[in-house]
Amino acid sequence: MLKALLASALLLAVTGTALAAEPDAARKAELLYRLKHDCGSCHGMTLKGGLGPALLPASIKEHSNEFLIDVIRDGVVGTPMPPWGFELSQDETAWLVKKLRQGVSHEN
C-alpha cells in the first residue's frame, strides 16, 4: 500500500497532475461543440485568434497544462475571459486542453 501511494505521489510530482478520467463519447461531442462555438466566438471560429488569443497547438505550447486548465476554469480577471469551472469538471477541462494540444478539426 505504501509503495502504491509513493508511486502515485511520484507520478503526480513528475507530471504535475493526476491522471484524468476521460469523458464519455457523448460528453466529448458536447465539449468539442462548445469548444468550436463558445470558445470560437472569442478565439476565432478556427481558433486562430480574435478577441482572445489563438488556441492552436503552436500558440499554446509554451503554457503548461495546469496553467491552461486554470485559465479555462477560473477565467482571467480584467479580461473578457470568463470562468468555465461552473460547468466543466477538472477532468473535462484537462481533456479539452489535450484536444487543443492535438489540434482541433473544424470539419462538421
N, C-alpha and C. Protein backbone atom coordinates (compact mmCIF):
# COMPACT_ATOMS: atom_id res chain seq x y z
N MET A 1 0.83 -1.19 0.00
CA MET A 1 0.00 0.00 0.00
C MET A 1 0.87 1.25 0.00
N LEU A 2 1.89 1.27 0.85
CA LEU A 2 2.78 2.42 0.91
C LEU A 2 3.50 2.62 -0.41
N LYS A 3 3.90 1.51 -1.04
CA LYS A 3 4.57 1.59 -2.34
C LYS A 3 3.65 2.24 -3.38
N ALA A 4 2.39 1.85 -3.39
CA ALA A 4 1.43 2.42 -4.34
C ALA A 4 1.23 3.91 -4.09
N LEU A 5 1.15 4.30 -2.84
CA LEU A 5 1.00 5.72 -2.51
C LEU A 5 2.22 6.52 -2.94
N LEU A 6 3.38 5.98 -2.69
CA LEU A 6 4.61 6.66 -3.10
C LEU A 6 4.70 6.77 -4.62
N ALA A 7 4.32 5.72 -5.32
CA ALA A 7 4.35 5.75 -6.78
C ALA A 7 3.37 6.81 -7.30
N SER A 8 2.19 6.90 -6.70
CA SER A 8 1.21 7.91 -7.11
C SER A 8 1.73 9.31 -6.84
N ALA A 9 2.35 9.50 -5.69
CA ALA A 9 2.90 10.81 -5.33
C ALA A 9 4.02 11.19 -6.30
N LEU A 10 4.84 10.23 -6.67
CA LEU A 10 5.92 10.49 -7.61
C LEU A 10 5.36 10.86 -8.98
N LEU A 11 4.35 10.13 -9.44
CA LEU A 11 3.72 10.43 -10.72
C LEU A 11 3.13 11.82 -10.70
N LEU A 12 2.46 12.17 -9.63
CA LEU A 12 1.88 13.49 -9.50
C LEU A 12 2.96 14.56 -9.51
N ALA A 13 4.04 14.33 -8.82
CA ALA A 13 5.14 15.30 -8.77
C ALA A 13 5.80 15.46 -10.13
N VAL A 14 5.97 14.38 -10.85
CA VAL A 14 6.63 14.42 -12.15
C VAL A 14 5.74 15.06 -13.20
N THR A 15 4.47 14.68 -13.25
CA THR A 15 3.58 15.19 -14.28
C THR A 15 2.90 16.48 -13.88
N GLY A 16 2.83 16.74 -12.59
CA GLY A 16 2.16 17.95 -12.13
C GLY A 16 0.66 17.81 -12.07
N THR A 17 0.16 16.65 -12.41
CA THR A 17 -1.28 16.45 -12.38
C THR A 17 -1.61 14.98 -12.21
N ALA A 18 -2.74 14.72 -11.63
CA ALA A 18 -3.19 13.34 -11.50
C ALA A 18 -3.72 12.87 -12.86
N LEU A 19 -3.77 11.59 -13.07
CA LEU A 19 -4.34 11.06 -14.30
C LEU A 19 -5.81 11.41 -14.37
N ALA A 20 -6.23 11.98 -15.48
CA ALA A 20 -7.61 12.42 -15.62
C ALA A 20 -8.46 11.33 -16.25
N ALA A 21 -9.69 11.24 -15.79
CA ALA A 21 -10.64 10.33 -16.39
C ALA A 21 -11.26 11.03 -17.60
N GLU A 22 -11.25 10.37 -18.74
CA GLU A 22 -11.81 10.98 -19.94
C GLU A 22 -13.33 10.95 -19.89
N PRO A 23 -13.96 11.98 -20.44
CA PRO A 23 -15.42 11.98 -20.53
C PRO A 23 -15.89 10.89 -21.49
N ASP A 24 -17.15 10.51 -21.37
CA ASP A 24 -17.69 9.52 -22.30
C ASP A 24 -17.88 10.16 -23.69
N ALA A 25 -18.21 9.34 -24.68
CA ALA A 25 -18.29 9.80 -26.07
C ALA A 25 -19.29 10.93 -26.26
N ALA A 26 -20.45 10.84 -25.63
CA ALA A 26 -21.47 11.87 -25.78
C ALA A 26 -20.97 13.20 -25.20
N ARG A 27 -20.34 13.15 -24.04
CA ARG A 27 -19.84 14.38 -23.42
C ARG A 27 -18.69 14.95 -24.25
N LYS A 28 -17.84 14.10 -24.82
CA LYS A 28 -16.76 14.58 -25.67
C LYS A 28 -17.33 15.38 -26.85
N ALA A 29 -18.39 14.86 -27.45
CA ALA A 29 -19.04 15.56 -28.57
C ALA A 29 -19.56 16.92 -28.11
N GLU A 30 -20.18 16.97 -26.93
CA GLU A 30 -20.67 18.24 -26.38
C GLU A 30 -19.52 19.21 -26.14
N LEU A 31 -18.44 18.71 -25.57
CA LEU A 31 -17.30 19.56 -25.26
C LEU A 31 -16.66 20.12 -26.53
N LEU A 32 -16.54 19.29 -27.56
CA LEU A 32 -15.97 19.77 -28.83
C LEU A 32 -16.88 20.81 -29.47
N TYR A 33 -18.18 20.59 -29.39
CA TYR A 33 -19.14 21.57 -29.91
C TYR A 33 -18.95 22.90 -29.18
N ARG A 34 -18.90 22.85 -27.86
CA ARG A 34 -18.71 24.06 -27.04
C ARG A 34 -17.38 24.74 -27.37
N LEU A 35 -16.33 23.94 -27.54
CA LEU A 35 -15.02 24.49 -27.87
C LEU A 35 -15.09 25.24 -29.19
N LYS A 36 -15.68 24.63 -30.18
CA LYS A 36 -15.73 25.25 -31.50
C LYS A 36 -16.63 26.48 -31.54
N HIS A 37 -17.73 26.47 -30.78
CA HIS A 37 -18.69 27.56 -30.86
C HIS A 37 -18.53 28.59 -29.75
N ASP A 38 -18.52 28.15 -28.51
CA ASP A 38 -18.42 29.11 -27.41
C ASP A 38 -17.02 29.72 -27.34
N CYS A 39 -16.00 28.87 -27.34
CA CYS A 39 -14.62 29.38 -27.30
C CYS A 39 -14.33 30.11 -28.61
N GLY A 40 -14.84 29.53 -29.71
CA GLY A 40 -14.61 30.11 -31.03
C GLY A 40 -15.19 31.50 -31.19
N SER A 41 -16.21 31.84 -30.41
CA SER A 41 -16.81 33.17 -30.53
C SER A 41 -15.82 34.26 -30.13
N CYS A 42 -14.87 33.96 -29.28
CA CYS A 42 -13.85 34.94 -28.90
C CYS A 42 -12.47 34.62 -29.48
N HIS A 43 -12.15 33.35 -29.58
CA HIS A 43 -10.82 32.93 -30.03
C HIS A 43 -10.78 32.68 -31.54
N GLY A 44 -11.86 33.00 -32.23
CA GLY A 44 -11.96 32.77 -33.66
C GLY A 44 -12.55 31.40 -33.94
N MET A 45 -13.39 31.33 -34.93
CA MET A 45 -14.10 30.08 -35.22
C MET A 45 -13.15 28.95 -35.60
N THR A 46 -11.95 29.27 -36.05
CA THR A 46 -10.95 28.23 -36.32
C THR A 46 -9.85 28.27 -35.26
N LEU A 47 -10.12 28.98 -34.17
CA LEU A 47 -9.23 29.10 -33.01
C LEU A 47 -7.89 29.76 -33.35
N LYS A 48 -7.87 30.54 -34.44
CA LYS A 48 -6.65 31.23 -34.85
C LYS A 48 -6.51 32.60 -34.20
N GLY A 49 -7.42 32.93 -33.31
CA GLY A 49 -7.37 34.20 -32.60
C GLY A 49 -8.48 35.13 -33.04
N GLY A 50 -8.81 36.03 -32.19
CA GLY A 50 -9.86 37.02 -32.41
C GLY A 50 -9.77 37.99 -31.25
N LEU A 51 -10.86 38.13 -30.52
CA LEU A 51 -10.82 38.92 -29.29
C LEU A 51 -9.83 38.29 -28.31
N GLY A 52 -9.83 36.96 -28.25
CA GLY A 52 -8.88 36.23 -27.42
C GLY A 52 -7.75 35.68 -28.28
N PRO A 53 -6.68 35.22 -27.65
CA PRO A 53 -5.52 34.71 -28.42
C PRO A 53 -5.84 33.39 -29.13
N ALA A 54 -4.99 33.05 -30.07
CA ALA A 54 -5.11 31.78 -30.80
C ALA A 54 -4.98 30.61 -29.82
N LEU A 55 -5.71 29.55 -30.12
CA LEU A 55 -5.66 28.32 -29.32
C LEU A 55 -5.15 27.15 -30.14
N LEU A 56 -4.23 27.43 -31.02
CA LEU A 56 -3.61 26.40 -31.86
C LEU A 56 -2.47 25.74 -31.09
N PRO A 57 -2.12 24.50 -31.43
CA PRO A 57 -1.03 23.83 -30.71
C PRO A 57 0.24 24.67 -30.61
N ALA A 58 0.65 25.31 -31.68
CA ALA A 58 1.87 26.13 -31.65
C ALA A 58 1.72 27.35 -30.75
N SER A 59 0.48 27.85 -30.63
CA SER A 59 0.23 29.05 -29.84
C SER A 59 0.21 28.78 -28.34
N ILE A 60 -0.11 27.56 -27.96
CA ILE A 60 -0.24 27.25 -26.53
C ILE A 60 0.91 26.40 -26.01
N LYS A 61 1.86 26.06 -26.86
CA LYS A 61 2.91 25.12 -26.46
C LYS A 61 3.74 25.60 -25.29
N GLU A 62 3.88 26.90 -25.12
CA GLU A 62 4.71 27.42 -24.03
C GLU A 62 4.01 27.38 -22.67
N HIS A 63 2.73 27.10 -22.67
CA HIS A 63 1.96 27.08 -21.43
C HIS A 63 1.80 25.65 -20.92
N SER A 64 1.89 25.47 -19.62
CA SER A 64 1.68 24.15 -19.02
C SER A 64 0.20 23.78 -19.05
N ASN A 65 -0.05 22.49 -18.96
CA ASN A 65 -1.45 22.03 -18.88
C ASN A 65 -2.15 22.67 -17.69
N GLU A 66 -1.45 22.74 -16.57
CA GLU A 66 -2.05 23.29 -15.35
C GLU A 66 -2.45 24.75 -15.55
N PHE A 67 -1.59 25.52 -16.22
CA PHE A 67 -1.90 26.92 -16.49
C PHE A 67 -3.15 27.02 -17.35
N LEU A 68 -3.20 26.25 -18.43
CA LEU A 68 -4.35 26.30 -19.34
C LEU A 68 -5.63 25.86 -18.65
N ILE A 69 -5.54 24.81 -17.84
CA ILE A 69 -6.71 24.34 -17.10
C ILE A 69 -7.20 25.44 -16.16
N ASP A 70 -6.29 26.08 -15.46
CA ASP A 70 -6.66 27.16 -14.54
C ASP A 70 -7.32 28.32 -15.27
N VAL A 71 -6.78 28.70 -16.42
CA VAL A 71 -7.36 29.81 -17.19
C VAL A 71 -8.78 29.46 -17.63
N ILE A 72 -8.96 28.25 -18.13
CA ILE A 72 -10.29 27.85 -18.59
C ILE A 72 -11.26 27.78 -17.42
N ARG A 73 -10.86 27.19 -16.33
CA ARG A 73 -11.77 27.00 -15.20
C ARG A 73 -12.01 28.28 -14.40
N ASP A 74 -10.97 29.13 -14.27
CA ASP A 74 -11.07 30.31 -13.41
C ASP A 74 -11.23 31.62 -14.16
N GLY A 75 -11.03 31.61 -15.49
CA GLY A 75 -11.10 32.84 -16.26
C GLY A 75 -9.87 33.70 -15.99
N VAL A 76 -9.87 34.89 -16.55
CA VAL A 76 -8.76 35.83 -16.36
C VAL A 76 -9.37 37.18 -15.96
N VAL A 77 -9.14 37.57 -14.72
CA VAL A 77 -9.67 38.82 -14.20
C VAL A 77 -9.17 39.99 -15.03
N GLY A 78 -10.06 40.91 -15.32
CA GLY A 78 -9.68 42.10 -16.08
C GLY A 78 -9.68 41.90 -17.59
N THR A 79 -10.11 40.72 -18.03
CA THR A 79 -10.20 40.43 -19.46
C THR A 79 -11.59 39.86 -19.74
N PRO A 80 -11.96 39.72 -21.00
CA PRO A 80 -13.26 39.11 -21.32
C PRO A 80 -13.31 37.59 -21.08
N MET A 81 -12.18 36.96 -20.70
CA MET A 81 -12.15 35.50 -20.49
C MET A 81 -12.92 35.14 -19.22
N PRO A 82 -14.10 34.51 -19.40
CA PRO A 82 -14.90 34.14 -18.23
C PRO A 82 -14.44 32.81 -17.64
N PRO A 83 -14.83 32.54 -16.40
CA PRO A 83 -14.55 31.23 -15.82
C PRO A 83 -15.56 30.20 -16.34
N TRP A 84 -15.08 29.02 -16.66
CA TRP A 84 -15.95 27.94 -17.13
C TRP A 84 -16.03 26.80 -16.12
N GLY A 85 -15.36 26.95 -14.98
CA GLY A 85 -15.34 25.90 -13.98
C GLY A 85 -16.70 25.56 -13.39
N PHE A 86 -17.66 26.45 -13.53
CA PHE A 86 -19.00 26.18 -13.02
C PHE A 86 -19.70 25.08 -13.81
N GLU A 87 -19.23 24.82 -15.03
CA GLU A 87 -19.87 23.76 -15.81
C GLU A 87 -18.92 22.74 -16.42
N LEU A 88 -17.62 22.92 -16.21
CA LEU A 88 -16.63 21.96 -16.68
C LEU A 88 -15.89 21.38 -15.49
N SER A 89 -15.84 20.07 -15.43
CA SER A 89 -15.07 19.43 -14.35
C SER A 89 -13.58 19.57 -14.65
N GLN A 90 -12.78 19.28 -13.68
CA GLN A 90 -11.32 19.29 -13.85
C GLN A 90 -10.92 18.32 -14.97
N ASP A 91 -11.50 17.12 -14.94
CA ASP A 91 -11.17 16.11 -15.96
C ASP A 91 -11.61 16.55 -17.35
N GLU A 92 -12.79 17.15 -17.46
CA GLU A 92 -13.26 17.62 -18.77
C GLU A 92 -12.34 18.73 -19.29
N THR A 93 -11.93 19.60 -18.41
CA THR A 93 -11.04 20.70 -18.82
C THR A 93 -9.69 20.14 -19.25
N ALA A 94 -9.18 19.16 -18.53
CA ALA A 94 -7.91 18.53 -18.91
C ALA A 94 -8.05 17.87 -20.29
N TRP A 95 -9.18 17.25 -20.56
CA TRP A 95 -9.41 16.62 -21.86
C TRP A 95 -9.43 17.69 -22.96
N LEU A 96 -10.07 18.82 -22.70
CA LEU A 96 -10.10 19.91 -23.68
C LEU A 96 -8.69 20.42 -23.97
N VAL A 97 -7.89 20.57 -22.94
CA VAL A 97 -6.50 21.01 -23.14
C VAL A 97 -5.75 20.00 -24.00
N LYS A 98 -5.97 18.73 -23.73
CA LYS A 98 -5.34 17.68 -24.54
C LYS A 98 -5.75 17.82 -26.00
N LYS A 99 -7.03 18.05 -26.24
CA LYS A 99 -7.52 18.22 -27.62
C LYS A 99 -6.91 19.46 -28.27
N LEU A 100 -6.80 20.56 -27.50
CA LEU A 100 -6.19 21.77 -28.05
C LEU A 100 -4.75 21.52 -28.44
N ARG A 101 -4.04 20.75 -27.64
CA ARG A 101 -2.63 20.45 -27.94
C ARG A 101 -2.51 19.58 -29.20
N GLN A 102 -3.51 18.76 -29.46
CA GLN A 102 -3.51 17.90 -30.65
C GLN A 102 -3.95 18.65 -31.90
N GLY A 103 -4.67 19.72 -31.70
CA GLY A 103 -5.27 20.47 -32.81
C GLY A 103 -6.70 20.02 -33.00
N VAL A 104 -7.57 20.96 -33.22
CA VAL A 104 -8.99 20.68 -33.32
C VAL A 104 -9.41 20.78 -34.79
N SER A 105 -10.04 19.73 -35.28
CA SER A 105 -10.57 19.74 -36.65
C SER A 105 -11.80 20.63 -36.69
N HIS A 106 -11.93 21.41 -37.75
CA HIS A 106 -13.07 22.30 -37.87
C HIS A 106 -14.05 21.84 -38.93
N GLU A 107 -13.93 20.58 -39.31
CA GLU A 107 -14.91 19.99 -40.21
C GLU A 107 -16.15 19.69 -39.40
N ASN A 108 -17.28 19.63 -40.03
CA ASN A 108 -18.60 19.39 -39.39
C ASN A 108 -19.21 20.69 -38.99
